[in-house]
Amino acid sequence: TDQFMSTESIMFDNMGRNEGLKQLLSALLQSWRDNTDIVHRGNIVAFLADAMFFSSFTDAWQVHPQARELISILFDALLWKGVEGTAGLALGNFVSANGHIDLILDHERASHSISNVGWFLKRTQPGWDSKMQIYYLWRVLRSRKGCKLLSRHPHADLVVAGLLVGVRHATMEDNEVLSLLECFLNDDDTRPVVLRGYNPGMLLDSITELLAFGEGDLCEPSCSLLQALLEATGPGALLTWSGASRLVGVLSQKRHGKDIVDAVVPMLQWEPSLTTALSLEYKRMWVSDQIRCSGPGDPVEISVNRGELLPGVLDSLRDPKGLSHGVKVKFMGDETGAGDGHRRECFRLVISALCDLEFGLFKSMDGGRTLHPSSTAAEAEPEYLTYFELVGK
C-alpha cells in the first residue's frame, strides 16, 4: 500500500471491491486470533494504517459484521510497545478517509481508547508515536459528540496534560495538538478541563517556547491558540503570569501577535516590565496607528528647495495638526518626481543640517559621537526653539 493511489486498483479492484475486502478483513481477524506473535500482530496494525488511506477500504470496514472487533484491535494496540503510533495513525486515517467518526465514538470501548492515549502520553517522551496518537484524538474529539465524551471522561485531565506537553514539540507536519486544544477552549464542555489548575500557565509557557524557537509557519496557529485561551480567561491570565514580559516581547515581534498585544496595551501601562518588553518596531507602529486613527485626512504635501532646505521645511511643518496622516515631499527646481525616496532624502538632509555643529543647535563632547543641546543655541539661531521643535517632529 506504500504507493497509495497508484496501487488502489491492484489492491481493491482485482479483489472484487466490497466482497473481496470483506474476505480480506475476515482473514485478518482470523489471523489475529490464530497468531499471538507481537511482530505478526504489529504487521497487521501497520497494514491497517496504510490501507485506511483508501475510502474503498474504510467503506468496506464500516459495513463489516465484525467492524467493532477490528476497531477494538486498534484500541488495544494504542498501548502495545512498538506499534502505539501506528495504531493512532490507523484510527485517524479511518476517520479521515470518509468521516466514519460515529463508528468509533459509539463504540463501547471508545472511552477505553482515550484512556489508553492518556496513559501513553503520560509515560512517553514526545515523538512520532505520541504525535500519531494525538492525530487520532484530533480526528475524533473535535466534534460536538467528541467534546462531550472527553468532558465526562475520568481521565480527561490526563489527556489534556499530555496535549499540553506536546504543544512545544509541534511542527508544521504535525501540529494537530494546537488546533485540538483551541477546539477544546472554544467548547463549553471541554473548556473547564483545559483551564483547571496550572494548565493555563503551562499552556502560556509552551506557546512562548513555540513562538520563540519553533518554525516560523507555526506562528499563526500558535497565536490562534493563545487568542482562544485569552478569550476563555480574559487578559488577566497573560498579564499576571510570571513569564508575561517574555511572551509580550515575542508577540510584539510577530505579525500574527500584533492583534493580541493591541488588545492588552491599555493595561500594560501599569506594569513597566511589560511595556519595556515591547519591541521598538511594535511601539513605532502602535504610535503611528494611533496618530492615523485620530481622524480622516490626507498627507501634507510640501515643496522644498535644496538651497533653502531648513526654512522651507520649517514653514511647511509649522502646524503639527497637519502631520497626523504623513508627509509628501517634492523638490523644487529642475528635479521632478515625488514619493518615499524623496521624503527619506529630504528628512536625511534636514536632520544632517540641524545636527551640524556649525549650525549651533547642538554641541558634542566626544568628537561628534553624541550630541547635546547647546547652551548658546539662542545666540547661534534666533528661532532656535522652533528648530528644536522641528527636530522633535
Foldseek 3Di string as FASTA:
>chain_A
DVVPPVCCCVVAVVLVQLVSLLVVVVVLVVVVVVDVDPVVLLVSLLVLLRVLLALSNLVSLVPRPCNLVVLVSLLVCCQPPPCVLSSLSNLLSSCVNPNPQCSLLVRPCNLVSLVSLLVCLVVDDDDNSNLSNLSSLLSHLLDPSNLQSLLPRPCNLSNLVSLLNCLLVAAPVRNSSLVVLLSLLVDPRNVVSCPPDCNLLSNLVSLLNCLVPNDPVCVQSSLSSVVSVCVSVPCVSLVVHPCNQSSLLSLLVHPNSLVVNVVCVVVCVVPVSNVVSHDPVSVVVVVLVVLLVPDDDAAQEFEAEPVPLVVRVLVSCVDVNRPSHHYKYHYDDPDDDTDDVRVVVSVVVLVCVLLPVQQPQWDDDPVPPDTDGDPCSCVSDVCSVSSVVVVVD
